[in-house]
Amino acid sequence: MQLQGVSIDFDDRKTCALLPKLCLQWDEKYEELEDNADLLQYWENGIQNILKTTQNIVSGNMGTKSIVYSAEKETIKIIQKYFEDLKLETIDYEDILKCDNCIKYDYLDKNFKT
């Protein structure tokens, strides 16, 4: 099964090229990207807005990336709405096994939620 969604890599400075307005106040000489309060707030607000509408997402961390994905077309549209500056990506559901604290919605068991 494939899921679609977005991710932000908080260890990759190229992330600021995708979201330059969020990096204006961030000083790359002295701070790590994960210390960028504007970028963190953008990500957390987007996730909270999505969760107000639907719980049918997979969200968490895979390595240095923070992710939010879904297999449902309506939920994917919601993800796109709140993260319109990020490119939609595709991931295999099996890759979620490598995700740290990730499962929000289990597509293999519709009754399972964490």
Protein backbone atom coordinates (compact mmCIF):
# COMPACT_ATOMS: atom_id res chain seq x y z
CA MET A 1 0.00 0.00 0.00
CA GLN A 2 1.22 3.47 -0.80
CA LEU A 3 0.62 6.63 1.21
CA GLN A 4 0.96 10.24 0.11
CA GLY A 5 1.94 13.22 2.17
CA VAL A 6 4.75 15.56 3.10
CA SER A 7 7.88 15.62 5.21
CA ILE A 8 10.37 18.10 6.60
CA ASP A 9 13.98 17.16 7.26
CA PHE A 10 15.10 19.12 10.31
CA ASP A 11 18.74 18.09 9.72
CA ASP A 12 18.90 19.29 6.11
CA ARG A 13 19.50 22.99 5.57
CA LYS A 14 17.94 22.64 2.10
CA THR A 15 14.62 22.69 3.93
CA CYS A 16 15.03 26.47 4.20
CA ALA A 17 15.14 26.67 0.41
CA LEU A 18 11.66 25.12 0.37
CA LEU A 19 10.34 27.44 3.08
CA PRO A 20 12.53 30.57 2.92
CA LYS A 21 10.11 32.84 4.79
CA LEU A 22 10.38 30.57 7.83
CA CYS A 23 14.15 30.89 7.91
CA LEU A 24 14.50 34.68 7.83
CA GLN A 25 15.13 35.00 11.59
CA TRP A 26 17.09 31.76 11.90
CA ASP A 27 20.89 32.05 12.21
CA GLU A 28 22.46 29.02 10.55
CA LYS A 29 25.90 29.88 11.96
CA TYR A 30 24.84 29.34 15.55
CA GLU A 31 21.67 27.25 15.57
CA GLU A 32 20.59 23.86 14.34
CA LEU A 33 17.61 23.77 11.98
CA GLU A 34 15.61 21.96 14.65
CA ASP A 35 16.00 25.12 16.76
CA ASN A 36 14.17 27.20 14.16
CA ALA A 37 11.03 28.17 16.10
CA ASP A 38 9.16 29.43 13.01
CA LEU A 39 9.73 26.17 11.14
CA LEU A 40 8.72 24.07 14.14
CA GLN A 41 5.58 26.14 14.68
CA TYR A 42 4.66 25.83 10.99
CA TRP A 43 4.95 22.03 11.19
CA GLU A 44 3.15 21.64 14.53
CA ASN A 45 0.31 24.00 13.54
CA GLY A 46 -0.18 22.12 10.28
CA ILE A 47 -0.39 18.77 12.09
CA GLN A 48 -2.84 20.17 14.67
CA ASN A 49 -5.05 21.65 11.93
CA ILE A 50 -5.10 18.32 10.10
CA LEU A 51 -5.99 16.46 13.31
CA LYS A 52 -8.93 18.82 13.89
CA THR A 53 -10.40 17.49 10.65
CA THR A 54 -9.25 13.86 10.53
CA GLN A 55 -7.30 11.27 12.52
CA ASN A 56 -6.60 9.15 9.43
CA ILE A 57 -2.94 10.06 9.15
CA VAL A 58 0.42 8.51 9.83
CA SER A 59 2.58 11.11 11.52
CA GLY A 60 5.88 10.98 13.35
CA ASN A 61 9.61 10.81 12.69
CA MET A 62 11.61 8.70 10.30
CA GLY A 63 15.26 9.38 11.00
CA THR A 64 15.67 13.14 10.76
CA LYS A 65 12.43 13.66 8.85
CA SER A 66 9.09 14.57 10.36
CA ILE A 67 6.30 13.08 8.26
CA VAL A 68 2.55 13.21 7.76
CA TYR A 69 0.98 10.78 5.25
CA SER A 70 -2.35 9.19 4.42
CA ALA A 71 -3.84 6.71 1.96
CA GLU A 72 -7.23 8.46 1.82
CA LYS A 73 -7.77 10.97 -0.99
CA GLU A 74 -9.73 13.44 1.15
CA THR A 75 -7.09 13.38 3.88
CA ILE A 76 -4.31 13.87 1.31
CA LYS A 77 -6.16 16.99 0.11
CA ILE A 78 -6.25 18.25 3.72
CA ILE A 79 -2.51 17.62 4.07
CA GLN A 80 -1.91 19.57 0.85
CA LYS A 81 -4.09 22.41 2.13
CA TYR A 82 -2.08 22.94 5.32
CA PHE A 83 1.33 22.25 3.78
CA GLU A 84 0.84 23.83 0.39
CA ASP A 85 4.49 24.94 0.18
CA LEU A 86 5.76 21.35 0.39
CA LYS A 87 5.85 18.85 -2.44
CA LEU A 88 3.57 15.83 -2.10
CA GLU A 89 5.57 12.59 -1.79
CA THR A 90 4.72 8.88 -1.92
CA ILE A 91 5.90 6.29 0.59
CA ASP A 92 5.23 2.57 0.97
CA TYR A 93 3.24 1.63 4.06
CA GLU A 94 5.88 -0.99 4.89
CA ASP A 95 8.43 1.82 5.36
CA ILE A 96 6.40 3.04 8.33
CA LEU A 97 7.88 0.13 10.30
CA LYS A 98 11.08 2.22 10.40
CA CYS A 99 9.19 5.20 11.83
CA ASP A 100 9.85 6.27 15.42
CA ASN A 101 6.60 6.75 17.40
CA CYS A 102 4.72 7.01 14.16
CA ILE A 103 1.46 5.11 13.83
CA LYS A 104 -1.56 7.34 14.21
CA TYR A 105 -3.86 5.28 11.99
CA ASP A 106 -3.31 1.63 11.08
CA TYR A 107 -4.54 0.95 7.54
CA LEU A 108 -4.21 -2.79 8.09
CA ASP A 109 -6.55 -2.78 11.11
CA LYS A 110 -9.29 -0.13 10.84
CA ASN A 111 -10.14 -0.53 14.54
CA PHE A 112 -6.62 0.29 15.74
CA LYS A 113 -5.64 3.80 16.79
CA THR A 114 -2.96 5.05 19.13
